[in-house]
Amino acid sequence: VRDRVITLLAGRHVDPVRAEGAYALPFPV
């Protein structure tokens, strides 16, 4: 789905949001 959205946005000449290097977890796993 991520790849589909990137392709869709690129086709519209909209810069896609880039992935962050890491994300905060909402709780310990």
PDB file of all heavy atoms in Angstrom:
ATOM      1  N   VAL A   1       0.844  -1.201   0.000  1.00  0.00           N
ATOM      2  CA  VAL A   1       0.000   0.000   0.000  1.00  0.00           C
ATOM      3  C   VAL A   1       0.874   1.244   0.000  1.00  0.00           C
ATOM      4  O   VAL A   1       0.617   2.209  -0.737  1.00  0.00           O
ATOM      5  CB  VAL A   1      -0.975   0.003   1.198  1.00  0.00           C
ATOM      6  CG1 VAL A   1      -1.723   1.321   1.290  1.00  0.00           C
ATOM      7  CG2 VAL A   1      -1.952  -1.152   1.083  1.00  0.00           C
ATOM      8  N   ARG A   2       1.933   1.220   0.797  1.00  0.00           N
ATOM      9  CA  ARG A   2       2.876   2.349   0.827  1.00  0.00           C
ATOM     10  C   ARG A   2       3.396   2.649  -0.569  1.00  0.00           C
ATOM     11  O   ARG A   2       3.396   3.796  -1.024  1.00  0.00           O
ATOM     12  CB  ARG A   2       4.032   2.014   1.768  1.00  0.00           C
ATOM     13  CG  ARG A   2       5.122   3.083   1.795  1.00  0.00           C
ATOM     14  CD  ARG A   2       6.448   2.548   2.258  1.00  0.00           C
ATOM     15  NE  ARG A   2       6.953   1.535   1.315  1.00  0.00           N
ATOM     16  CZ  ARG A   2       7.976   0.759   1.575  1.00  0.00           C
ATOM     17  NH1 ARG A   2       8.604   0.823   2.730  1.00  0.00           N
ATOM     18  NH2 ARG A   2       8.392  -0.123   0.680  1.00  0.00           N
ATOM     19  N   ASP A   3       3.808   1.611  -1.279  1.00  0.00           N
ATOM     20  CA  ASP A   3       4.357   1.788  -2.619  1.00  0.00           C
ATOM     21  C   ASP A   3       3.304   2.323  -3.592  1.00  0.00           C
ATOM     22  O   ASP A   3       3.612   3.158  -4.451  1.00  0.00           O
ATOM     23  CB  ASP A   3       4.954   0.485  -3.132  1.00  0.00           C
ATOM     24  CG  ASP A   3       6.194   0.052  -2.345  1.00  0.00           C
ATOM     25  OD1 ASP A   3       6.722   0.860  -1.545  1.00  0.00           O
ATOM     26  OD2 ASP A   3       6.617  -1.108  -2.514  1.00  0.00           O
ATOM     27  N   ARG A   4       2.057   1.876  -3.443  1.00  0.00           N
ATOM     28  CA  ARG A   4       0.982   2.403  -4.301  1.00  0.00           C
ATOM     29  C   ARG A   4       0.769   3.892  -4.057  1.00  0.00           C
ATOM     30  O   ARG A   4       0.562   4.660  -4.999  1.00  0.00           O
ATOM     31  CB  ARG A   4      -0.319   1.649  -4.047  1.00  0.00           C
ATOM     32  CG  ARG A   4      -0.333   0.252  -4.633  1.00  0.00           C
ATOM     33  CD  ARG A   4      -1.661  -0.434  -4.450  1.00  0.00           C
ATOM     34  NE  ARG A   4      -2.717   0.258  -5.205  1.00  0.00           N
ATOM     35  CZ  ARG A   4      -4.003  -0.001  -5.052  1.00  0.00           C
ATOM     36  NH1 ARG A   4      -4.411  -0.904  -4.169  1.00  0.00           N
ATOM     37  NH2 ARG A   4      -4.904   0.650  -5.775  1.00  0.00           N
ATOM     38  N   VAL A   5       0.800   4.297  -2.787  1.00  0.00           N
ATOM     39  CA  VAL A   5       0.583   5.710  -2.466  1.00  0.00           C
ATOM     40  C   VAL A   5       1.753   6.553  -2.975  1.00  0.00           C
ATOM     41  O   VAL A   5       1.547   7.639  -3.525  1.00  0.00           O
ATOM     42  CB  VAL A   5       0.357   5.915  -0.956  1.00  0.00           C
ATOM     43  CG1 VAL A   5       0.245   7.391  -0.609  1.00  0.00           C
ATOM     44  CG2 VAL A   5      -0.896   5.169  -0.500  1.00  0.00           C
ATOM     45  N   ILE A   6       2.964   6.067  -2.825  1.00  0.00           N
ATOM     46  CA  ILE A   6       4.131   6.795  -3.339  1.00  0.00           C
ATOM     47  C   ILE A   6       4.000   6.995  -4.849  1.00  0.00           C
ATOM     48  O   ILE A   6       4.225   8.092  -5.365  1.00  0.00           O
ATOM     49  CB  ILE A   6       5.439   6.064  -2.979  1.00  0.00           C
ATOM     50  CG1 ILE A   6       5.713   6.193  -1.474  1.00  0.00           C
ATOM     51  CG2 ILE A   6       6.614   6.608  -3.791  1.00  0.00           C
ATOM     52  CD1 ILE A   6       6.850   5.323  -0.967  1.00  0.00           C
ATOM     53  N   THR A   7       3.618   5.947  -5.556  1.00  0.00           N
ATOM     54  CA  THR A   7       3.441   6.037  -7.005  1.00  0.00           C
ATOM     55  C   THR A   7       2.328   7.018  -7.364  1.00  0.00           C
ATOM     56  O   THR A   7       2.482   7.832  -8.288  1.00  0.00           O
ATOM     57  CB  THR A   7       3.142   4.643  -7.589  1.00  0.00           C
ATOM     58  OG1 THR A   7       4.239   3.777  -7.288  1.00  0.00           O
ATOM     59  CG2 THR A   7       2.918   4.697  -9.089  1.00  0.00           C
ATOM     60  N   LEU A   8       1.231   6.960  -6.634  1.00  0.00           N
ATOM     61  CA  LEU A   8       0.114   7.877  -6.882  1.00  0.00           C
ATOM     62  C   LEU A   8       0.541   9.329  -6.685  1.00  0.00           C
ATOM     63  O   LEU A   8       0.280  10.186  -7.536  1.00  0.00           O
ATOM     64  CB  LEU A   8      -1.052   7.528  -5.954  1.00  0.00           C
ATOM     65  CG  LEU A   8      -2.277   8.431  -6.000  1.00  0.00           C
ATOM     66  CD1 LEU A   8      -2.909   8.422  -7.387  1.00  0.00           C
ATOM     67  CD2 LEU A   8      -3.283   7.992  -4.947  1.00  0.00           C
ATOM     68  N   LEU A   9       1.203   9.593  -5.571  1.00  0.00           N
ATOM     69  CA  LEU A   9       1.646  10.961  -5.299  1.00  0.00           C
ATOM     70  C   LEU A   9       2.685  11.429  -6.319  1.00  0.00           C
ATOM     71  O   LEU A   9       2.639  12.580  -6.768  1.00  0.00           O
ATOM     72  CB  LEU A   9       2.196  11.075  -3.876  1.00  0.00           C
ATOM     73  CG  LEU A   9       1.151  10.943  -2.758  1.00  0.00           C
ATOM     74  CD1 LEU A   9       1.838  10.881  -1.394  1.00  0.00           C
ATOM     75  CD2 LEU A   9       0.142  12.084  -2.813  1.00  0.00           C
ATOM     76  N   ALA A  10       3.586  10.558  -6.694  1.00  0.00           N
ATOM     77  CA  ALA A  10       4.593  10.931  -7.697  1.00  0.00           C
ATOM     78  C   ALA A  10       3.923  11.280  -9.016  1.00  0.00           C
ATOM     79  O   ALA A  10       4.328  12.234  -9.694  1.00  0.00           O
ATOM     80  CB  ALA A  10       5.595   9.791  -7.886  1.00  0.00           C
ATOM     81  N   GLY A  11       2.890  10.536  -9.382  1.00  0.00           N
ATOM     82  CA  GLY A  11       2.155  10.830 -10.605  1.00  0.00           C
ATOM     83  C   GLY A  11       1.450  12.181 -10.557  1.00  0.00           C
ATOM     84  O   GLY A  11       1.177  12.777 -11.598  1.00  0.00           O
ATOM     85  N   ARG A  12       1.196  12.655  -9.364  1.00  0.00           N
ATOM     86  CA  ARG A  12       0.565  13.959  -9.178  1.00  0.00           C
ATOM     87  C   ARG A  12       1.601  15.053  -8.910  1.00  0.00           C
ATOM     88  O   ARG A  12       1.243  16.183  -8.610  1.00  0.00           O
ATOM     89  CB  ARG A  12      -0.407  13.898  -8.002  1.00  0.00           C
ATOM     90  CG  ARG A  12      -1.587  12.994  -8.252  1.00  0.00           C
ATOM     91  CD  ARG A  12      -2.487  12.949  -7.046  1.00  0.00           C
ATOM     92  NE  ARG A  12      -3.660  12.123  -7.302  1.00  0.00           N
ATOM     93  CZ  ARG A  12      -4.679  11.996  -6.471  1.00  0.00           C
ATOM     94  NH1 ARG A  12      -4.678  12.668  -5.324  1.00  0.00           N
ATOM     95  NH2 ARG A  12      -5.692  11.229  -6.777  1.00  0.00           N
ATOM     96  N   HIS A  13       2.874  14.691  -8.958  1.00  0.00           N
ATOM     97  CA  HIS A  13       3.974  15.617  -8.698  1.00  0.00           C
ATOM     98  C   HIS A  13       3.908  16.188  -7.282  1.00  0.00           C
ATOM     99  O   HIS A  13       4.177  17.368  -7.055  1.00  0.00           O
ATOM    100  CB  HIS A  13       4.027  16.737  -9.744  1.00  0.00           C
ATOM    101  CG  HIS A  13       4.075  16.213 -11.143  1.00  0.00           C
ATOM    102  ND1 HIS A  13       5.179  15.573 -11.654  1.00  0.00           N
ATOM    103  CD2 HIS A  13       3.140  16.197 -12.125  1.00  0.00           C
ATOM    104  CE1 HIS A  13       4.928  15.186 -12.896  1.00  0.00           C
ATOM    105  NE2 HIS A  13       3.697  15.546 -13.201  1.00  0.00           N
ATOM    106  N   VAL A  14       3.553  15.309  -6.343  1.00  0.00           N
ATOM    107  CA  VAL A  14       3.486  15.668  -4.925  1.00  0.00           C
ATOM    108  C   VAL A  14       4.602  14.911  -4.219  1.00  0.00           C
ATOM    109  O   VAL A  14       4.743  13.694  -4.394  1.00  0.00           O
ATOM    110  CB  VAL A  14       2.118  15.269  -4.316  1.00  0.00           C
ATOM    111  CG1 VAL A  14       2.091  15.531  -2.820  1.00  0.00           C
ATOM    112  CG2 VAL A  14       0.992  16.012  -5.021  1.00  0.00           C
ATOM    113  N   ASP A  15       5.399  15.632  -3.441  1.00  0.00           N
ATOM    114  CA  ASP A  15       6.477  14.982  -2.705  1.00  0.00           C
ATOM    115  C   ASP A  15       5.899  14.041  -1.659  1.00  0.00           C
ATOM    116  O   ASP A  15       5.082  14.459  -0.830  1.00  0.00           O
ATOM    117  CB  ASP A  15       7.363  16.018  -2.004  1.00  0.00           C
ATOM    118  CG  ASP A  15       8.222  16.802  -2.972  1.00  0.00           C
ATOM    119  OD1 ASP A  15       8.571  16.236  -4.040  1.00  0.00           O
ATOM    120  OD2 ASP A  15       8.536  17.960  -2.674  1.00  0.00           O
ATOM    121  N   PRO A  16       6.322  12.774  -1.689  1.00  0.00           N
ATOM    122  CA  PRO A  16       5.833  11.847  -0.667  1.00  0.00           C
ATOM    123  C   PRO A  16       6.522  12.101   0.670  1.00  0.00           C
ATOM    124  O   PRO A  16       7.631  12.628   0.724  1.00  0.00           O
ATOM    125  CB  PRO A  16       6.219  10.474  -1.228  1.00  0.00           C
ATOM    126  CG  PRO A  16       7.383  10.745  -2.104  1.00  0.00           C
ATOM    127  CD  PRO A  16       7.188  12.130  -2.661  1.00  0.00           C
ATOM    128  N   VAL A  17       5.829  11.739   1.729  1.00  0.00           N
ATOM    129  CA  VAL A  17       6.412  11.790   3.067  1.00  0.00           C
ATOM    130  C   VAL A  17       7.481  10.710   3.134  1.00  0.00           C
ATOM    131  O   VAL A  17       7.280   9.595   2.667  1.00  0.00           O
ATOM    132  CB  VAL A  17       5.328  11.499   4.131  1.00  0.00           C
ATOM    133  CG1 VAL A  17       5.918  11.423   5.517  1.00  0.00           C
ATOM    134  CG2 VAL A  17       4.229  12.536   4.050  1.00  0.00           C
ATOM    135  N   ARG A  18       8.614  11.044   3.691  1.00  0.00           N
ATOM    136  CA  ARG A  18       9.688  10.058   3.832  1.00  0.00           C
ATOM    137  C   ARG A  18       9.535   9.308   5.148  1.00  0.00           C
ATOM    138  O   ARG A  18       9.019   9.846   6.120  1.00  0.00           O
ATOM    139  CB  ARG A  18      11.044  10.748   3.796  1.00  0.00           C
ATOM    140  CG  ARG A  18      11.305  11.456   2.475  1.00  0.00           C
ATOM    141  CD  ARG A  18      12.776  11.748   2.288  1.00  0.00           C
ATOM    142  NE  ARG A  18      13.046  12.573   1.136  1.00  0.00           N
ATOM    143  CZ  ARG A  18      12.992  12.156  -0.117  1.00  0.00           C
ATOM    144  NH1 ARG A  18      12.653  10.930  -0.387  1.00  0.00           N
ATOM    145  NH2 ARG A  18      13.267  12.977  -1.111  1.00  0.00           N
ATOM    146  N   ALA A  19       9.998   8.077   5.154  1.00  0.00           N
ATOM    147  CA  ALA A  19       9.983   7.288   6.385  1.00  0.00           C
ATOM    148  C   ALA A  19      10.985   7.863   7.368  1.00  0.00           C
ATOM    149  O   ALA A  19      12.042   8.361   6.971  1.00  0.00           O
ATOM    150  CB  ALA A  19      10.328   5.835   6.079  1.00  0.00           C
ATOM    151  N   GLU A  20      10.648   7.788   8.632  1.00  0.00           N
ATOM    152  CA  GLU A  20      11.586   8.198   9.669  1.00  0.00           C
ATOM    153  C   GLU A  20      12.545   7.042   9.942  1.00  0.00           C
ATOM    154  O   GLU A  20      12.257   5.886   9.631  1.00  0.00           O
ATOM    155  CB  GLU A  20      10.817   8.570  10.939  1.00  0.00           C
ATOM    156  CG  GLU A  20       9.921   9.785  10.733  1.00  0.00           C
ATOM    157  CD  GLU A  20       9.164  10.168  11.993  1.00  0.00           C
ATOM    158  OE1 GLU A  20       9.611   9.827  13.100  1.00  0.00           O
ATOM    159  OE2 GLU A  20       8.121  10.810  11.846  1.00  0.00           O
ATOM    160  N   GLY A  21      13.664   7.351  10.540  1.00  0.00           N
ATOM    161  CA  GLY A  21      14.633   6.310  10.872  1.00  0.00           C
ATOM    162  C   GLY A  21      14.126   5.368  11.947  1.00  0.00           C
ATOM    163  O   GLY A  21      14.459   4.186  11.968  1.00  0.00           O
ATOM    164  N   ALA A  22      13.313   5.886  12.840  1.00  0.00           N
ATOM    165  CA  ALA A  22      12.724   5.099  13.920  1.00  0.00           C
ATOM    166  C   ALA A  22      11.479   5.823  14.403  1.00  0.00           C
ATOM    167  O   ALA A  22      11.288   7.009  14.136  1.00  0.00           O
ATOM    168  CB  ALA A  22      13.711   4.929  15.071  1.00  0.00           C
ATOM    169  N   TYR A  23      10.640   5.099  15.106  1.00  0.00           N
ATOM    170  CA  TYR A  23       9.391   5.645  15.625  1.00  0.00           C
ATOM    171  C   TYR A  23       9.296   5.310  17.110  1.00  0.00           C
ATOM    172  O   TYR A  23       9.794   4.268  17.543  1.00  0.00           O
ATOM    173  CB  TYR A  23       8.195   5.053  14.878  1.00  0.00           C
ATOM    174  CG  TYR A  23       8.163   5.429  13.414  1.00  0.00           C
ATOM    175  CD1 TYR A  23       8.911   4.725  12.472  1.00  0.00           C
ATOM    176  CD2 TYR A  23       7.406   6.498  12.973  1.00  0.00           C
ATOM    177  CE1 TYR A  23       8.891   5.075  11.131  1.00  0.00           C
ATOM    178  CE2 TYR A  23       7.383   6.860  11.628  1.00  0.00           C
ATOM    179  CZ  TYR A  23       8.128   6.139  10.717  1.00  0.00           C
ATOM    180  OH  TYR A  23       8.110   6.501   9.397  1.00  0.00           O
ATOM    181  N   ALA A  24       8.662   6.176  17.855  1.00  0.00           N
ATOM    182  CA  ALA A  24       8.456   5.925  19.286  1.00  0.00           C
ATOM    183  C   ALA A  24       7.380   4.860  19.457  1.00  0.00           C
ATOM    184  O   ALA A  24       6.325   4.926  18.827  1.00  0.00           O
ATOM    185  CB  ALA A  24       8.039   7.210  19.994  1.00  0.00           C
ATOM    186  N   LEU A  25       7.664   3.906  20.300  1.00  0.00           N
ATOM    187  CA  LEU A  25       6.671   2.881  20.597  1.00  0.00           C
ATOM    188  C   LEU A  25       5.702   3.408  21.652  1.00  0.00           C
ATOM    189  O   LEU A  25       6.119   4.110  22.583  1.00  0.00           O
ATOM    190  CB  LEU A  25       7.350   1.612  21.114  1.00  0.00           C
ATOM    191  CG  LEU A  25       8.238   0.879  20.109  1.00  0.00           C
ATOM    192  CD1 LEU A  25       8.954  -0.284  20.785  1.00  0.00           C
ATOM    193  CD2 LEU A  25       7.406   0.383  18.932  1.00  0.00           C
ATOM    194  N   PRO A  26       4.428   3.057  21.556  1.00  0.00           N
ATOM    195  CA  PRO A  26       3.459   3.550  22.530  1.00  0.00           C
ATOM    196  C   PRO A  26       3.566   2.861  23.887  1.00  0.00           C
ATOM    197  O   PRO A  26       3.023   3.359  24.879  1.00  0.00           O
ATOM    198  CB  PRO A  26       2.110   3.243  21.871  1.00  0.00           C
ATOM    199  CG  PRO A  26       2.391   2.115  20.936  1.00  0.00           C
ATOM    200  CD  PRO A  26       3.814   2.297  20.479  1.00  0.00           C
ATOM    201  N   PHE A  27       4.255   1.724  23.925  1.00  0.00           N
ATOM    202  CA  PHE A  27       4.456   0.966  25.161  1.00  0.00           C
ATOM    203  C   PHE A  27       5.585  -0.031  24.910  1.00  0.00           C
ATOM    204  O   PHE A  27       5.895  -0.343  23.759  1.00  0.00           O
ATOM    205  CB  PHE A  27       3.165   0.253  25.607  1.00  0.00           C
ATOM    206  CG  PHE A  27       2.497  -0.537  24.509  1.00  0.00           C
ATOM    207  CD1 PHE A  27       2.915  -1.820  24.171  1.00  0.00           C
ATOM    208  CD2 PHE A  27       1.445   0.018  23.791  1.00  0.00           C
ATOM    209  CE1 PHE A  27       2.310  -2.531  23.159  1.00  0.00           C
ATOM    210  CE2 PHE A  27       0.827  -0.683  22.765  1.00  0.00           C
ATOM    211  CZ  PHE A  27       1.258  -1.962  22.450  1.00  0.00           C
ATOM    212  N   PRO A  28       6.191  -0.544  25.977  1.00  0.00           N
ATOM    213  CA  PRO A  28       7.261  -1.537  25.792  1.00  0.00           C
ATOM    214  C   PRO A  28       6.705  -2.832  25.193  1.00  0.00           C
ATOM    215  O   PRO A  28       5.607  -3.264  25.545  1.00  0.00           O
ATOM    216  CB  PRO A  28       7.784  -1.788  27.210  1.00  0.00           C
ATOM    217  CG  PRO A  28       7.268  -0.657  28.029  1.00  0.00           C
ATOM    218  CD  PRO A  28       6.016  -0.183  27.383  1.00  0.00           C
ATOM    219  N   VAL A  29       7.456  -3.432  24.313  1.00  0.00           N
ATOM    220  CA  VAL A  29       7.068  -4.700  23.700  1.00  0.00           C
ATOM    221  C   VAL A  29       7.997  -5.769  24.266  1.00  0.00           C
ATOM    222  O   VAL A  29       9.131  -5.920  23.820  1.00  0.00           O
ATOM    223  CB  VAL A  29       7.141  -4.621  22.163  1.00  0.00           C
ATOM    224  CG1 VAL A  29       6.766  -5.954  21.540  1.00  0.00           C
ATOM    225  CG2 VAL A  29       6.240  -3.512  21.649  1.00  0.00           C
TER     226      VAL A  29
END
